[in-house]
Amino acid sequence: QSGKRRFNDLSASVGGCNSRTLRDRLKDLEDLDIVRREIVSENPPWVEYELTERGRELASALSPLAAWGREHLAEDALSTSIAGSGGE
């Protein structure tokens, strides 16, 4: 995704990840120069994250892999579900 995102937006988009884990992962990505963190306001606290140039390059490289996973892993999950329900 492009553009700046607030922490709560990122948290909602990943789902199933607690806030501490997400914060730790974002810090790791910031240390690797993949994500940039910008403090917009101290009071109320407001932080935005965005991909750096390096992060955008990584996202472009991973995009085909993600597409493959959505296509093939969804097929595997469907066939496993059908087999498990006795619907063969």
N, C-alpha and C. Protein backbone atom coordinates (compact mmCIF):
# COMPACT_ATOMS: atom_id res chain seq x y z
N GLN A 1 0.83 -1.18 0.00
CA GLN A 1 0.00 0.00 0.00
C GLN A 1 0.87 1.24 0.00
N SER A 2 0.40 2.24 -0.68
CA SER A 2 1.17 3.48 -0.74
C SER A 2 0.54 4.52 0.17
N GLY A 3 1.31 5.54 0.48
CA GLY A 3 0.81 6.62 1.31
C GLY A 3 1.05 6.38 2.78
N LYS A 4 0.71 7.40 3.55
CA LYS A 4 0.91 7.35 4.99
C LYS A 4 -0.27 6.65 5.65
N ARG A 5 0.04 5.87 6.69
CA ARG A 5 -1.00 5.13 7.41
C ARG A 5 -0.79 5.32 8.91
N ARG A 6 -1.88 5.49 9.61
CA ARG A 6 -1.82 5.59 11.07
C ARG A 6 -1.75 4.19 11.67
N PHE A 7 -1.25 4.11 12.89
CA PHE A 7 -1.08 2.82 13.56
C PHE A 7 -2.38 2.03 13.60
N ASN A 8 -3.48 2.68 13.99
CA ASN A 8 -4.76 1.98 14.09
C ASN A 8 -5.23 1.45 12.74
N ASP A 9 -4.94 2.17 11.66
CA ASP A 9 -5.28 1.69 10.32
C ASP A 9 -4.48 0.44 9.98
N LEU A 10 -3.20 0.47 10.30
CA LEU A 10 -2.35 -0.71 10.06
C LEU A 10 -2.82 -1.89 10.91
N SER A 11 -3.14 -1.61 12.15
CA SER A 11 -3.60 -2.67 13.05
C SER A 11 -4.88 -3.33 12.53
N ALA A 12 -5.80 -2.53 12.04
CA ALA A 12 -7.05 -3.06 11.50
C ALA A 12 -6.81 -3.87 10.23
N SER A 13 -5.84 -3.45 9.43
CA SER A 13 -5.61 -4.13 8.15
C SER A 13 -4.88 -5.47 8.31
N VAL A 14 -4.08 -5.64 9.37
CA VAL A 14 -3.40 -6.92 9.55
C VAL A 14 -4.26 -7.92 10.29
N GLY A 15 -5.07 -7.50 11.20
CA GLY A 15 -5.98 -8.40 11.91
C GLY A 15 -5.27 -9.55 12.60
N GLY A 16 -5.67 -9.85 13.80
CA GLY A 16 -5.10 -10.98 14.53
C GLY A 16 -3.71 -10.74 15.10
N CYS A 17 -3.23 -9.53 15.03
CA CYS A 17 -1.89 -9.19 15.54
C CYS A 17 -2.08 -8.20 16.69
N ASN A 18 -1.55 -8.52 17.86
CA ASN A 18 -1.75 -7.58 18.96
C ASN A 18 -0.89 -6.34 18.77
N SER A 19 -1.25 -5.28 19.47
CA SER A 19 -0.60 -3.98 19.29
C SER A 19 0.89 -4.01 19.58
N ARG A 20 1.29 -4.73 20.61
CA ARG A 20 2.71 -4.79 20.96
C ARG A 20 3.52 -5.45 19.86
N THR A 21 3.01 -6.55 19.32
CA THR A 21 3.70 -7.25 18.24
C THR A 21 3.82 -6.36 17.02
N LEU A 22 2.73 -5.69 16.66
CA LEU A 22 2.76 -4.80 15.50
C LEU A 22 3.76 -3.67 15.73
N ARG A 23 3.74 -3.08 16.90
CA ARG A 23 4.68 -1.99 17.22
C ARG A 23 6.13 -2.47 17.10
N ASP A 24 6.40 -3.68 17.61
CA ASP A 24 7.75 -4.25 17.52
C ASP A 24 8.16 -4.49 16.07
N ARG A 25 7.25 -5.02 15.27
CA ARG A 25 7.56 -5.30 13.86
C ARG A 25 7.79 -4.00 13.09
N LEU A 26 6.98 -2.99 13.37
CA LEU A 26 7.17 -1.70 12.70
C LEU A 26 8.52 -1.09 13.08
N LYS A 27 8.92 -1.25 14.33
CA LYS A 27 10.23 -0.76 14.77
C LYS A 27 11.34 -1.50 14.03
N ASP A 28 11.20 -2.82 13.88
CA ASP A 28 12.19 -3.60 13.12
C ASP A 28 12.27 -3.11 11.68
N LEU A 29 11.12 -2.87 11.07
CA LEU A 29 11.10 -2.40 9.68
C LEU A 29 11.68 -1.00 9.56
N GLU A 30 11.46 -0.18 10.57
CA GLU A 30 12.05 1.16 10.59
C GLU A 30 13.58 1.06 10.68
N ASP A 31 14.07 0.16 11.52
CA ASP A 31 15.52 -0.04 11.66
C ASP A 31 16.16 -0.53 10.36
N LEU A 32 15.39 -1.25 9.54
CA LEU A 32 15.88 -1.76 8.25
C LEU A 32 15.66 -0.78 7.11
N ASP A 33 15.17 0.42 7.42
CA ASP A 33 14.89 1.46 6.43
C ASP A 33 13.86 0.99 5.39
N ILE A 34 12.86 0.25 5.86
CA ILE A 34 11.77 -0.20 4.99
C ILE A 34 10.53 0.66 5.25
N VAL A 35 10.39 1.11 6.49
CA VAL A 35 9.26 1.94 6.90
C VAL A 35 9.81 3.20 7.56
N ARG A 36 9.15 4.31 7.31
CA ARG A 36 9.50 5.58 7.96
C ARG A 36 8.38 5.92 8.94
N ARG A 37 8.75 6.28 10.14
CA ARG A 37 7.80 6.67 11.19
C ARG A 37 7.90 8.17 11.38
N GLU A 38 6.76 8.84 11.35
CA GLU A 38 6.74 10.29 11.53
C GLU A 38 5.78 10.65 12.65
N ILE A 39 6.28 11.38 13.64
CA ILE A 39 5.43 11.87 14.72
C ILE A 39 4.76 13.14 14.21
N VAL A 40 3.44 13.08 14.07
CA VAL A 40 2.68 14.21 13.55
C VAL A 40 2.28 15.14 14.69
N SER A 41 1.91 14.56 15.82
CA SER A 41 1.46 15.35 16.96
C SER A 41 1.84 14.65 18.26
N GLU A 42 2.27 15.43 19.23
CA GLU A 42 2.58 14.89 20.55
C GLU A 42 1.32 14.75 21.39
N ASN A 43 0.42 15.73 21.28
CA ASN A 43 -0.79 15.72 22.08
C ASN A 43 -1.97 16.18 21.24
N PRO A 44 -2.85 15.32 20.87
CA PRO A 44 -2.87 13.89 21.17
C PRO A 44 -1.79 13.16 20.36
N PRO A 45 -1.34 12.00 20.87
CA PRO A 45 -0.32 11.23 20.14
C PRO A 45 -0.83 10.83 18.75
N TRP A 46 -0.01 11.10 17.74
CA TRP A 46 -0.42 10.79 16.38
C TRP A 46 0.85 10.49 15.59
N VAL A 47 0.96 9.25 15.14
CA VAL A 47 2.13 8.80 14.39
C VAL A 47 1.66 8.24 13.07
N GLU A 48 2.40 8.53 12.01
CA GLU A 48 2.09 7.96 10.70
C GLU A 48 3.30 7.16 10.21
N TYR A 49 2.99 6.13 9.46
CA TYR A 49 4.02 5.27 8.87
C TYR A 49 3.86 5.28 7.36
N GLU A 50 4.98 5.21 6.67
CA GLU A 50 4.93 5.05 5.22
C GLU A 50 6.15 4.27 4.77
N LEU A 51 6.02 3.64 3.61
CA LEU A 51 7.15 2.90 3.05
C LEU A 51 8.21 3.87 2.57
N THR A 52 9.45 3.52 2.77
CA THR A 52 10.57 4.26 2.19
C THR A 52 10.74 3.78 0.75
N GLU A 53 11.67 4.35 0.04
CA GLU A 53 11.96 3.88 -1.32
C GLU A 53 12.35 2.40 -1.29
N ARG A 54 13.16 2.05 -0.33
CA ARG A 54 13.56 0.65 -0.17
C ARG A 54 12.34 -0.24 0.12
N GLY A 55 11.42 0.24 0.93
CA GLY A 55 10.20 -0.50 1.24
C GLY A 55 9.32 -0.67 0.01
N ARG A 56 9.23 0.36 -0.82
CA ARG A 56 8.43 0.26 -2.06
C ARG A 56 9.06 -0.75 -3.01
N GLU A 57 10.39 -0.78 -3.08
CA GLU A 57 11.06 -1.77 -3.92
C GLU A 57 10.78 -3.18 -3.41
N LEU A 58 10.82 -3.36 -2.10
CA LEU A 58 10.54 -4.67 -1.51
C LEU A 58 9.09 -5.08 -1.79
N ALA A 59 8.16 -4.15 -1.63
CA ALA A 59 6.75 -4.45 -1.90
C ALA A 59 6.55 -4.88 -3.35
N SER A 60 7.24 -4.22 -4.27
CA SER A 60 7.14 -4.60 -5.69
C SER A 60 7.69 -5.99 -5.93
N ALA A 61 8.76 -6.33 -5.24
CA ALA A 61 9.36 -7.66 -5.40
C ALA A 61 8.47 -8.75 -4.79
N LEU A 62 7.78 -8.45 -3.70
CA LEU A 62 6.95 -9.44 -3.02
C LEU A 62 5.55 -9.58 -3.62
N SER A 63 5.13 -8.60 -4.39
CA SER A 63 3.78 -8.61 -4.95
C SER A 63 3.47 -9.86 -5.77
N PRO A 64 4.36 -10.30 -6.68
CA PRO A 64 4.06 -11.53 -7.43
C PRO A 64 3.96 -12.76 -6.53
N LEU A 65 4.77 -12.83 -5.49
CA LEU A 65 4.71 -13.95 -4.55
C LEU A 65 3.37 -13.95 -3.80
N ALA A 66 2.92 -12.79 -3.39
CA ALA A 66 1.64 -12.68 -2.70
C ALA A 66 0.49 -13.09 -3.62
N ALA A 67 0.56 -12.68 -4.88
CA ALA A 67 -0.48 -13.05 -5.85
C ALA A 67 -0.50 -14.56 -6.05
N TRP A 68 0.67 -15.17 -6.15
CA TRP A 68 0.75 -16.63 -6.30
C TRP A 68 0.11 -17.31 -5.09
N GLY A 69 0.44 -16.83 -3.90
CA GLY A 69 -0.11 -17.41 -2.68
C GLY A 69 -1.62 -17.29 -2.62
N ARG A 70 -2.16 -16.13 -2.99
CA ARG A 70 -3.62 -15.96 -2.97
C ARG A 70 -4.29 -16.94 -3.92
N GLU A 71 -3.69 -17.14 -5.08
CA GLU A 71 -4.28 -18.04 -6.07
C GLU A 71 -4.15 -19.50 -5.65
N HIS A 72 -2.95 -19.94 -5.35
CA HIS A 72 -2.70 -21.35 -5.11
C HIS A 72 -3.08 -21.81 -3.71
N LEU A 73 -2.83 -21.00 -2.72
CA LEU A 73 -3.16 -21.42 -1.36
C LEU A 73 -4.66 -21.39 -1.13
N ALA A 74 -5.37 -20.49 -1.80
CA ALA A 74 -6.83 -20.48 -1.70
C ALA A 74 -7.39 -21.75 -2.31
N GLU A 75 -6.82 -22.20 -3.43
CA GLU A 75 -7.26 -23.46 -4.05
C GLU A 75 -7.02 -24.63 -3.11
N ASP A 76 -5.85 -24.67 -2.46
CA ASP A 76 -5.52 -25.74 -1.53
C ASP A 76 -6.48 -25.75 -0.34
N ALA A 77 -6.79 -24.57 0.19
CA ALA A 77 -7.70 -24.48 1.33
C ALA A 77 -9.10 -24.96 0.94
N LEU A 78 -9.53 -24.60 -0.26
CA LEU A 78 -10.85 -25.02 -0.73
C LEU A 78 -10.91 -26.53 -0.90
N SER A 79 -9.89 -27.12 -1.52
CA SER A 79 -9.90 -28.57 -1.74
C SER A 79 -9.80 -29.32 -0.42
N THR A 80 -9.05 -28.79 0.55
CA THR A 80 -8.96 -29.42 1.87
C THR A 80 -10.31 -29.34 2.57
N SER A 81 -10.98 -28.21 2.45
CA SER A 81 -12.28 -28.04 3.07
C SER A 81 -13.31 -29.00 2.48
N ILE A 82 -13.30 -29.14 1.17
CA ILE A 82 -14.24 -30.04 0.50
C ILE A 82 -13.95 -31.48 0.90
N ALA A 83 -12.67 -31.86 0.90
CA ALA A 83 -12.30 -33.23 1.27
C ALA A 83 -12.67 -33.53 2.72
N GLY A 84 -12.47 -32.57 3.59
CA GLY A 84 -12.78 -32.76 5.01
C GLY A 84 -14.26 -32.85 5.30
N SER A 85 -15.09 -32.29 4.41
CA SER A 85 -16.53 -32.32 4.65
C SER A 85 -17.20 -33.52 4.00
N GLY A 86 -16.40 -34.37 3.33
CA GLY A 86 -16.97 -35.53 2.66
C GLY A 86 -17.64 -35.18 1.36
N GLY A 87 -17.32 -34.00 0.81
CA GLY A 87 -17.97 -33.53 -0.42
C GLY A 87 -17.27 -33.93 -1.69
N GLU A 88 -16.40 -34.96 -1.65
CA GLU A 88 -15.69 -35.35 -2.87
C GLU A 88 -16.58 -36.18 -3.75
